[in-house]
Full PDB file with SEQRES, HELIX, SHEET, SSBOND, CRYST1, ORIGX, SCALE, CONECT and MASTER records, all heavy atoms in Angstrom:
SEQRES   1 A   40  THR ASP SER ALA GLY SER LEU ASN VAL SER VAL TYR ASN          
SEQRES   2 A   40  GLY ALA THR ILE SER GLY GLY VAL LEU ASN THR TYR ASP          
SEQRES   3 A   40  GLY THR SER VAL ALA THR GLY PRO TYR ALA SER ASP ASP          
SEQRES   4 A   40  LEU                                                          
SHEET    1 AA1 2 THR A  16  SER A  18  0                                        
SHEET    2 AA1 2 VAL A  21  ASN A  23 -1                                        
CRYST1    1.000    1.000    1.000  90.00  90.00  90.00 P 1           1          
ORIGX1      1.000000  0.000000  0.000000        0.00000                         
ORIGX2      0.000000  1.000000  0.000000        0.00000                         
ORIGX3      0.000000  0.000000  1.000000        0.00000                         
SCALE1      1.000000  0.000000  0.000000        0.00000                         
SCALE2      0.000000  1.000000  0.000000        0.00000                         
SCALE3      0.000000  0.000000  1.000000        0.00000                         
ATOM      1  N   THR A   1     129.021 -91.608 203.611  1.00  0.00           N  
ATOM      2  CA  THR A   1     129.578 -90.924 202.456  1.00  0.00           C  
ATOM      3  C   THR A   1     129.163 -91.616 201.157  1.00  0.00           C  
ATOM      4  O   THR A   1     129.207 -92.844 201.047  1.00  0.00           O  
ATOM      5  CB  THR A   1     131.110 -90.900 202.538  1.00  0.00           C  
ATOM      6  OG1 THR A   1     131.500 -90.156 203.695  1.00  0.00           O  
ATOM      7  CG2 THR A   1     131.715 -90.248 201.302  1.00  0.00           C  
ATOM      8  N   ASP A   2     128.768 -90.804 200.192  1.00  0.00           N  
ATOM      9  CA  ASP A   2     128.457 -91.288 198.851  1.00  0.00           C  
ATOM     10  C   ASP A   2     129.768 -91.372 198.075  1.00  0.00           C  
ATOM     11  O   ASP A   2     130.354 -90.360 197.720  1.00  0.00           O  
ATOM     12  CB  ASP A   2     127.481 -90.325 198.179  1.00  0.00           C  
ATOM     13  CG  ASP A   2     127.101 -90.736 196.763  1.00  0.00           C  
ATOM     14  OD1 ASP A   2     127.620 -91.754 196.264  1.00  0.00           O  
ATOM     15  OD2 ASP A   2     126.285 -90.026 196.151  1.00  0.00           O  
ATOM     16  N   SER A   3     130.235 -92.570 197.802  1.00  0.00           N  
ATOM     17  CA  SER A   3     131.534 -92.759 197.160  1.00  0.00           C  
ATOM     18  C   SER A   3     131.523 -92.396 195.687  1.00  0.00           C  
ATOM     19  O   SER A   3     132.582 -92.266 195.068  1.00  0.00           O  
ATOM     20  CB  SER A   3     131.986 -94.219 197.311  1.00  0.00           C  
ATOM     21  OG  SER A   3     132.158 -94.554 198.670  1.00  0.00           O  
ATOM     22  N   ALA A   4     130.331 -92.234 195.095  1.00  0.00           N  
ATOM     23  CA  ALA A   4     130.246 -91.947 193.666  1.00  0.00           C  
ATOM     24  C   ALA A   4     129.709 -90.562 193.353  1.00  0.00           C  
ATOM     25  O   ALA A   4     129.814 -90.104 192.217  1.00  0.00           O  
ATOM     26  CB  ALA A   4     129.367 -92.988 192.975  1.00  0.00           C  
ATOM     27  N   GLY A   5     129.106 -89.898 194.323  1.00  0.00           N  
ATOM     28  CA  GLY A   5     128.492 -88.597 194.074  1.00  0.00           C  
ATOM     29  C   GLY A   5     128.483 -87.742 195.324  1.00  0.00           C  
ATOM     30  O   GLY A   5     129.343 -87.891 196.192  1.00  0.00           O  
ATOM     31  N   SER A   6     127.485 -86.879 195.416  1.00  0.00           N  
ATOM     32  CA  SER A   6     127.428 -85.940 196.534  1.00  0.00           C  
ATOM     33  C   SER A   6     126.184 -86.120 197.391  1.00  0.00           C  
ATOM     34  O   SER A   6     125.855 -85.260 198.199  1.00  0.00           O  
ATOM     35  CB  SER A   6     127.478 -84.498 196.005  1.00  0.00           C  
ATOM     36  OG  SER A   6     126.410 -84.255 195.106  1.00  0.00           O  
ATOM     37  N   LEU A   7     125.486 -87.243 197.238  1.00  0.00           N  
ATOM     38  CA  LEU A   7     124.272 -87.490 198.009  1.00  0.00           C  
ATOM     39  C   LEU A   7     124.625 -88.252 199.287  1.00  0.00           C  
ATOM     40  O   LEU A   7     124.316 -89.439 199.451  1.00  0.00           O  
ATOM     41  CB  LEU A   7     123.262 -88.275 197.161  1.00  0.00           C  
ATOM     42  CG  LEU A   7     121.864 -88.508 197.754  1.00  0.00           C  
ATOM     43  CD1 LEU A   7     121.213 -87.195 198.182  1.00  0.00           C  
ATOM     44  CD2 LEU A   7     120.986 -89.249 196.763  1.00  0.00           C  
ATOM     45  N   ASN A   8     125.305 -87.575 200.193  1.00  0.00           N  
ATOM     46  CA  ASN A   8     125.702 -88.200 201.452  1.00  0.00           C  
ATOM     47  C   ASN A   8     124.485 -88.366 202.368  1.00  0.00           C  
ATOM     48  O   ASN A   8     123.547 -87.579 202.310  1.00  0.00           O  
ATOM     49  CB  ASN A   8     126.761 -87.356 202.161  1.00  0.00           C  
ATOM     50  CG  ASN A   8     128.020 -87.208 201.333  1.00  0.00           C  
ATOM     51  OD1 ASN A   8     128.455 -88.148 200.665  1.00  0.00           O  
ATOM     52  ND2 ASN A   8     128.600 -86.021 201.344  1.00  0.00           N  
ATOM     53  N   VAL A   9     124.515 -89.399 203.204  1.00  0.00           N  
ATOM     54  CA  VAL A   9     123.405 -89.649 204.108  1.00  0.00           C  
ATOM     55  C   VAL A   9     123.894 -89.670 205.548  1.00  0.00           C  
ATOM     56  O   VAL A   9     125.038 -90.000 205.830  1.00  0.00           O  
ATOM     57  CB  VAL A   9     122.688 -90.978 203.778  1.00  0.00           C  
ATOM     58  CG1 VAL A   9     122.075 -90.926 202.393  1.00  0.00           C  
ATOM     59  CG2 VAL A   9     123.625 -92.176 203.913  1.00  0.00           C  
ATOM     60  N   SER A  10     122.998 -89.304 206.448  1.00  0.00           N  
ATOM     61  CA  SER A  10     123.247 -89.357 207.887  1.00  0.00           C  
ATOM     62  C   SER A  10     122.214 -90.270 208.523  1.00  0.00           C  
ATOM     63  O   SER A  10     121.203 -90.610 207.918  1.00  0.00           O  
ATOM     64  CB  SER A  10     123.158 -87.950 208.492  1.00  0.00           C  
ATOM     65  OG  SER A  10     124.116 -87.089 207.920  1.00  0.00           O  
ATOM     66  N   VAL A  11     122.476 -90.666 209.773  1.00  0.00           N  
ATOM     67  CA  VAL A  11     121.571 -91.591 210.449  1.00  0.00           C  
ATOM     68  C   VAL A  11     120.627 -90.825 211.377  1.00  0.00           C  
ATOM     69  O   VAL A  11     120.977 -89.788 211.936  1.00  0.00           O  
ATOM     70  CB  VAL A  11     122.350 -92.649 211.255  1.00  0.00           C  
ATOM     71  CG1 VAL A  11     123.106 -93.569 210.310  1.00  0.00           C  
ATOM     72  CG2 VAL A  11     123.313 -92.003 212.249  1.00  0.00           C  
ATOM     73  N   TYR A  12     119.413 -91.386 211.530  1.00  0.00           N  
ATOM     74  CA  TYR A  12     118.370 -90.757 212.327  1.00  0.00           C  
ATOM     75  C   TYR A  12     117.591 -91.817 213.101  1.00  0.00           C  
ATOM     76  O   TYR A  12     117.560 -92.991 212.743  1.00  0.00           O  
ATOM     77  CB  TYR A  12     117.393 -89.975 211.433  1.00  0.00           C  
ATOM     78  CG  TYR A  12     118.027 -88.836 210.684  1.00  0.00           C  
ATOM     79  CD1 TYR A  12     118.585 -89.044 209.431  1.00  0.00           C  
ATOM     80  CD2 TYR A  12     118.088 -87.553 211.227  1.00  0.00           C  
ATOM     81  CE1 TYR A  12     119.181 -87.999 208.732  1.00  0.00           C  
ATOM     82  CE2 TYR A  12     118.681 -86.516 210.544  1.00  0.00           C  
ATOM     83  CZ  TYR A  12     119.222 -86.735 209.297  1.00  0.00           C  
ATOM     84  OH  TYR A  12     119.823 -85.696 208.615  1.00  0.00           O  
ATOM     85  N   ASN A  13     116.933 -91.363 214.151  1.00  0.00           N  
ATOM     86  CA  ASN A  13     116.003 -92.180 214.936  1.00  0.00           C  
ATOM     87  C   ASN A  13     116.611 -93.478 215.455  1.00  0.00           C  
ATOM     88  O   ASN A  13     115.962 -94.518 215.496  1.00  0.00           O  
ATOM     89  CB  ASN A  13     114.744 -92.502 214.122  1.00  0.00           C  
ATOM     90  CG  ASN A  13     113.879 -91.291 213.874  1.00  0.00           C  
ATOM     91  OD1 ASN A  13     114.128 -90.216 214.412  1.00  0.00           O  
ATOM     92  ND2 ASN A  13     112.858 -91.446 213.046  1.00  0.00           N  
ATOM     93  N   GLY A  14     117.878 -93.416 215.827  1.00  0.00           N  
ATOM     94  CA  GLY A  14     118.505 -94.582 216.437  1.00  0.00           C  
ATOM     95  C   GLY A  14     119.278 -95.472 215.492  1.00  0.00           C  
ATOM     96  O   GLY A  14     119.867 -96.456 215.934  1.00  0.00           O  
ATOM     97  N   ALA A  15     119.290 -95.161 214.196  1.00  0.00           N  
ATOM     98  CA  ALA A  15     120.129 -95.926 213.269  1.00  0.00           C  
ATOM     99  C   ALA A  15     121.593 -95.684 213.597  1.00  0.00           C  
ATOM    100  O   ALA A  15     121.964 -94.627 214.127  1.00  0.00           O  
ATOM    101  CB  ALA A  15     119.829 -95.516 211.832  1.00  0.00           C  
ATOM    102  N   THR A  16     122.431 -96.663 213.277  1.00  0.00           N  
ATOM    103  CA  THR A  16     123.861 -96.533 213.522  1.00  0.00           C  
ATOM    104  C   THR A  16     124.635 -97.053 212.319  1.00  0.00           C  
ATOM    105  O   THR A  16     124.144 -97.882 211.555  1.00  0.00           O  
ATOM    106  CB  THR A  16     124.305 -97.326 214.768  1.00  0.00           C  
ATOM    107  OG1 THR A  16     123.987 -98.714 214.583  1.00  0.00           O  
ATOM    108  CG2 THR A  16     123.608 -96.807 216.019  1.00  0.00           C  
ATOM    109  N   ILE A  17     125.855 -96.543 212.182  1.00  0.00           N  
ATOM    110  CA  ILE A  17     126.807 -97.086 211.216  1.00  0.00           C  
ATOM    111  C   ILE A  17     128.024 -97.526 212.003  1.00  0.00           C  
ATOM    112  O   ILE A  17     128.738 -96.708 212.583  1.00  0.00           O  
ATOM    113  CB  ILE A  17     127.200 -96.037 210.158  1.00  0.00           C  
ATOM    114  CG1 ILE A  17     125.990 -95.635 209.329  1.00  0.00           C  
ATOM    115  CG2 ILE A  17     128.303 -96.583 209.254  1.00  0.00           C  
ATOM    116  CD1 ILE A  17     126.246 -94.476 208.373  1.00  0.00           C  
ATOM    117  N   SER A  18     128.233 -98.825 212.055  1.00  0.00           N  
ATOM    118  CA  SER A  18     129.371 -99.368 212.799  1.00  0.00           C  
ATOM    119  C   SER A  18     129.689-100.752 212.262  1.00  0.00           C  
ATOM    120  O   SER A  18     128.820-101.429 211.716  1.00  0.00           O  
ATOM    121  CB  SER A  18     129.062 -99.441 214.305  1.00  0.00           C  
ATOM    122  OG  SER A  18     127.973-100.316 214.556  1.00  0.00           O  
ATOM    123  N   GLY A  19     130.952-101.150 212.398  1.00  0.00           N  
ATOM    124  CA  GLY A  19     131.357-102.440 211.880  1.00  0.00           C  
ATOM    125  C   GLY A  19     131.229-102.545 210.381  1.00  0.00           C  
ATOM    126  O   GLY A  19     131.176-103.638 209.822  1.00  0.00           O  
ATOM    127  N   GLY A  20     131.149-101.401 209.688  1.00  0.00           N  
ATOM    128  CA  GLY A  20     131.068-101.403 208.239  1.00  0.00           C  
ATOM    129  C   GLY A  20     129.693-101.622 207.679  1.00  0.00           C  
ATOM    130  O   GLY A  20     129.548-101.920 206.487  1.00  0.00           O  
ATOM    131  N   VAL A  21     128.647-101.463 208.502  1.00  0.00           N  
ATOM    132  CA  VAL A  21     127.282-101.673 208.017  1.00  0.00           C  
ATOM    133  C   VAL A  21     126.353-100.627 208.619  1.00  0.00           C  
ATOM    134  O   VAL A  21     126.641-100.022 209.649  1.00  0.00           O  
ATOM    135  CB  VAL A  21     126.748-103.080 208.384  1.00  0.00           C  
ATOM    136  CG1 VAL A  21     127.527-104.165 207.668  1.00  0.00           C  
ATOM    137  CG2 VAL A  21     126.776-103.297 209.890  1.00  0.00           C  
ATOM    138  N   LEU A  22     125.203-100.439 207.954  1.00  0.00           N  
ATOM    139  CA  LEU A  22     124.130 -99.599 208.471  1.00  0.00           C  
ATOM    140  C   LEU A  22     123.155-100.480 209.236  1.00  0.00           C  
ATOM    141  O   LEU A  22     122.674-101.487 208.706  1.00  0.00           O  
ATOM    142  CB  LEU A  22     123.405 -98.906 207.316  1.00  0.00           C  
ATOM    143  CG  LEU A  22     122.085 -98.197 207.667  1.00  0.00           C  
ATOM    144  CD1 LEU A  22     122.326 -97.001 208.571  1.00  0.00           C  
ATOM    145  CD2 LEU A  22     121.364 -97.771 206.384  1.00  0.00           C  
ATOM    146  N   ASN A  23     122.859-100.108 210.462  1.00  0.00           N  
ATOM    147  CA  ASN A  23     121.940-100.868 211.310  1.00  0.00           C  
ATOM    148  C   ASN A  23     120.661-100.065 211.499  1.00  0.00           C  
ATOM    149  O   ASN A  23     120.668 -99.007 212.122  1.00  0.00           O  
ATOM    150  CB  ASN A  23     122.597-101.155 212.668  1.00  0.00           C  
ATOM    151  CG  ASN A  23     121.775-102.105 213.528  1.00  0.00           C  
ATOM    152  OD1 ASN A  23     120.572-102.273 213.318  1.00  0.00           O  
ATOM    153  ND2 ASN A  23     122.421-102.722 214.494  1.00  0.00           N  
ATOM    154  N   THR A  24     119.556-100.561 210.952  1.00  0.00           N  
ATOM    155  CA  THR A  24     118.261 -99.900 211.108  1.00  0.00           C  
ATOM    156  C   THR A  24     117.278-100.793 211.868  1.00  0.00           C  
ATOM    157  O   THR A  24     116.067-100.648 211.750  1.00  0.00           O  
ATOM    158  CB  THR A  24     117.664 -99.527 209.737  1.00  0.00           C  
ATOM    159  OG1 THR A  24     117.631-100.688 208.893  1.00  0.00           O  
ATOM    160  CG2 THR A  24     118.501 -98.455 209.069  1.00  0.00           C  
ATOM    161  N   TYR A  25     117.816-101.684 212.668  1.00  0.00           N  
ATOM    162  CA  TYR A  25     116.969-102.579 213.467  1.00  0.00           C  
ATOM    163  C   TYR A  25     116.531-101.871 214.748  1.00  0.00           C  
ATOM    164  O   TYR A  25     117.329-101.223 215.410  1.00  0.00           O  
ATOM    165  CB  TYR A  25     117.746-103.847 213.833  1.00  0.00           C  
ATOM    166  CG  TYR A  25     116.964-104.826 214.674  1.00  0.00           C  
ATOM    167  CD1 TYR A  25     116.137-105.763 214.072  1.00  0.00           C  
ATOM    168  CD2 TYR A  25     117.059-104.821 216.066  1.00  0.00           C  
ATOM    169  CE1 TYR A  25     115.416-106.671 214.826  1.00  0.00           C  
ATOM    170  CE2 TYR A  25     116.329-105.718 216.832  1.00  0.00           C  
ATOM    171  CZ  TYR A  25     115.512-106.640 216.208  1.00  0.00           C  
ATOM    172  OH  TYR A  25     114.791-107.529 216.955  1.00  0.00           O  
ATOM    173  N   ASP A  26     115.235-101.985 215.086  1.00  0.00           N  
ATOM    174  CA  ASP A  26     114.810-101.519 216.403  1.00  0.00           C  
ATOM    175  C   ASP A  26     113.895-102.515 217.104  1.00  0.00           C  
ATOM    176  O   ASP A  26     113.706-102.425 218.309  1.00  0.00           O  
ATOM    177  CB  ASP A  26     114.165-100.128 216.334  1.00  0.00           C  
ATOM    178  CG  ASP A  26     112.833-100.122 215.599  1.00  0.00           C  
ATOM    179  OD1 ASP A  26     112.437-101.176 215.049  1.00  0.00           O  
ATOM    180  OD2 ASP A  26     112.181 -99.066 215.579  1.00  0.00           O  
ATOM    181  N   GLY A  27     113.319-103.443 216.355  1.00  0.00           N  
ATOM    182  CA  GLY A  27     112.534-104.501 216.983  1.00  0.00           C  
ATOM    183  C   GLY A  27     111.256-104.041 217.638  1.00  0.00           C  
ATOM    184  O   GLY A  27     110.694-104.759 218.457  1.00  0.00           O  
ATOM    185  N   THR A  28     110.780-102.849 217.272  1.00  0.00           N  
ATOM    186  CA  THR A  28     109.546-102.341 217.866  1.00  0.00           C  
ATOM    187  C   THR A  28     108.596-101.887 216.773  1.00  0.00           C  
ATOM    188  O   THR A  28     108.979-101.742 215.611  1.00  0.00           O  
ATOM    189  CB  THR A  28     109.806-101.148 218.805  1.00  0.00           C  
ATOM    190  OG1 THR A  28     110.077 -99.983 218.014  1.00  0.00           O  
ATOM    191  CG2 THR A  28     110.973-101.428 219.735  1.00  0.00           C  
ATOM    192  N   SER A  29     107.369-101.647 217.147  1.00  0.00           N  
ATOM    193  CA  SER A  29     106.373-101.161 216.193  1.00  0.00           C  
ATOM    194  C   SER A  29     106.184 -99.652 216.302  1.00  0.00           C  
ATOM    195  O   SER A  29     105.205 -99.115 215.792  1.00  0.00           O  
ATOM    196  CB  SER A  29     105.036-101.861 216.435  1.00  0.00           C  
ATOM    197  OG  SER A  29     104.592-101.647 217.768  1.00  0.00           O  
ATOM    198  N   VAL A  30     107.132 -98.975 216.952  1.00  0.00           N  
ATOM    199  CA  VAL A  30     107.059 -97.516 217.074  1.00  0.00           C  
ATOM    200  C   VAL A  30     107.084 -96.894 215.679  1.00  0.00           C  
ATOM    201  O   VAL A  30     107.825 -97.334 214.798  1.00  0.00           O  
ATOM    202  CB  VAL A  30     108.225 -96.994 217.923  1.00  0.00           C  
ATOM    203  CG1 VAL A  30     108.230 -95.466 217.957  1.00  0.00           C  
ATOM    204  CG2 VAL A  30     108.131 -97.549 219.336  1.00  0.00           C  
ATOM    205  N   ALA A  31     106.300 -95.846 215.478  1.00  0.00           N  
ATOM    206  CA  ALA A  31     106.089 -95.302 214.138  1.00  0.00           C  
ATOM    207  C   ALA A  31     107.291 -94.567 213.569  1.00  0.00           C  
ATOM    208  O   ALA A  31     107.353 -94.335 212.370  1.00  0.00           O  
ATOM    209  CB  ALA A  31     104.883 -94.365 214.137  1.00  0.00           C  
ATOM    210  N   THR A  32     108.258 -94.181 214.379  1.00  0.00           N  
ATOM    211  CA  THR A  32     109.411 -93.443 213.861  1.00  0.00           C  
ATOM    212  C   THR A  32     110.659 -94.297 214.012  1.00  0.00           C  
ATOM    213  O   THR A  32     111.406 -94.164 214.978  1.00  0.00           O  
ATOM    214  CB  THR A  32     109.587 -92.113 214.608  1.00  0.00           C  
ATOM    215  OG1 THR A  32     109.651 -92.361 216.022  1.00  0.00           O  
ATOM    216  CG2 THR A  32     108.430 -91.180 214.311  1.00  0.00           C  
ATOM    217  N   GLY A  33     110.886 -95.189 213.058  1.00  0.00           N  
ATOM    218  CA  GLY A  33     112.007 -96.108 213.131  1.00  0.00           C  
ATOM    219  C   GLY A  33     113.287 -95.526 212.572  1.00  0.00           C  
ATOM    220  O   GLY A  33     113.303 -94.433 211.995  1.00  0.00           O  
ATOM    221  N   PRO A  34     114.391 -96.253 212.694  1.00  0.00           N  
ATOM    222  CA  PRO A  34     115.701 -95.781 212.244  1.00  0.00           C  
ATOM    223  C   PRO A  34     115.798 -95.721 210.723  1.00  0.00           C  
ATOM    224  O   PRO A  34     115.121 -96.461 210.003  1.00  0.00           O  
ATOM    225  CB  PRO A  34     116.665 -96.840 212.792  1.00  0.00           C  
ATOM    226  CG  PRO A  34     115.885 -97.667 213.750  1.00  0.00           C  
ATOM    227  CD  PRO A  34     114.475 -97.580 213.350  1.00  0.00           C  
ATOM    228  N   TYR A  35     116.699 -94.863 210.228  1.00  0.00           N  
ATOM    229  CA  TYR A  35     116.942 -94.772 208.793  1.00  0.00           C  
ATOM    230  C   TYR A  35     118.191 -93.951 208.534  1.00  0.00           C  
ATOM    231  O   TYR A  35     118.715 -93.280 209.425  1.00  0.00           O  
ATOM    232  CB  TYR A  35     115.753 -94.163 208.055  1.00  0.00           C  
ATOM    233  CG  TYR A  35     115.400 -92.744 208.455  1.00  0.00           C  
ATOM    234  CD1 TYR A  35     115.950 -91.651 207.809  1.00  0.00           C  
ATOM    235  CD2 TYR A  35     114.497 -92.499 209.491  1.00  0.00           C  
ATOM    236  CE1 TYR A  35     115.617 -90.349 208.172  1.00  0.00           C  
ATOM    237  CE2 TYR A  35     114.155 -91.212 209.861  1.00  0.00           C  
ATOM    238  CZ  TYR A  35     114.721 -90.143 209.199  1.00  0.00           C  
ATOM    239  OH  TYR A  35     114.386 -88.862 209.557  1.00  0.00           O  
ATOM    240  N   ALA A  36     118.657 -94.001 207.269  1.00  0.00           N  
ATOM    241  CA  ALA A  36     119.750 -93.146 206.807  1.00  0.00           C  
ATOM    242  C   ALA A  36     119.257 -92.347 205.621  1.00  0.00           C  
ATOM    243  O   ALA A  36     118.616 -92.893 204.714  1.00  0.00           O  
ATOM    244  CB  ALA A  36     120.961 -93.984 206.408  1.00  0.00           C  
ATOM    245  N   SER A  37     119.527 -91.043 205.621  1.00  0.00           N  
ATOM    246  CA  SER A  37     118.985 -90.183 204.571  1.00  0.00           C  
ATOM    247  C   SER A  37     119.705 -88.843 204.559  1.00  0.00           C  
ATOM    248  O   SER A  37     120.347 -88.457 205.534  1.00  0.00           O  
ATOM    249  CB  SER A  37     117.481 -89.943 204.824  1.00  0.00           C  
ATOM    250  OG  SER A  37     116.950 -88.996 203.919  1.00  0.00           O  
ATOM    251  N   ASP A  38     119.613 -88.157 203.407  1.00  0.00           N  
ATOM    252  CA  ASP A  38     119.892 -86.728 203.376  1.00  0.00           C  
ATOM    253  C   ASP A  38     118.581 -86.064 203.765  1.00  0.00           C  
ATOM    254  O   ASP A  38     117.781 -85.675 202.922  1.00  0.00           O  
ATOM    255  CB  ASP A  38     120.332 -86.292 201.974  1.00  0.00           C  
ATOM    256  CG  ASP A  38     120.549 -84.794 201.879  1.00  0.00           C  
ATOM    257  OD1 ASP A  38     120.445 -84.107 202.917  1.00  0.00           O  
ATOM    258  OD2 ASP A  38     120.791 -84.296 200.770  1.00  0.00           O  
ATOM    259  N   ASP A  39     118.356 -85.964 205.061  1.00  0.00           N  
ATOM    260  CA  ASP A  39     117.043 -85.590 205.582  1.00  0.00           C  
ATOM    261  C   ASP A  39     116.734 -84.109 205.414  1.00  0.00           C  
ATOM    262  O   ASP A  39     115.615 -83.678 205.656  1.00  0.00           O  
ATOM    263  CB  ASP A  39     116.973 -85.960 207.065  1.00  0.00           C  
ATOM    264  CG  ASP A  39     115.545 -86.209 207.518  1.00  0.00           C  
ATOM    265  OD1 ASP A  39     114.678 -86.385 206.643  1.00  0.00           O  
ATOM    266  OD2 ASP A  39     115.300 -86.226 208.728  1.00  0.00           O  
ATOM    267  N   LEU A  40     117.714 -83.317 204.979  1.00  0.00           N  
ATOM    268  CA  LEU A  40     117.512 -81.878 204.874  1.00  0.00           C  
ATOM    269  C   LEU A  40     117.049 -81.451 203.484  1.00  0.00           C  
ATOM    270  O   LEU A  40     116.531 -80.354 203.307  1.00  0.00           O  
ATOM    271  CB  LEU A  40     118.816 -81.145 205.221  1.00  0.00           C  
ATOM    272  CG  LEU A  40     119.374 -81.401 206.612  1.00  0.00           C  
ATOM    273  CD1 LEU A  40     120.694 -80.664 206.793  1.00  0.00           C  
ATOM    274  CD2 LEU A  40     118.386 -80.981 207.689  1.00  0.00           C  
TER     275      LEU A  40                                                      
MASTER        0    0    0    0    2    0    0    6  274    1    0    4          
END                                                                             
């Protein structure tokens, strides 16, 4: 959730939001890594 506006983001490609943080770690060189975005 965007606490100041309306640009909310969702997680993709294995990213997670837990424990109060965004986790975009995957430890691989695969070309489609995790991220958070308004992907639409």
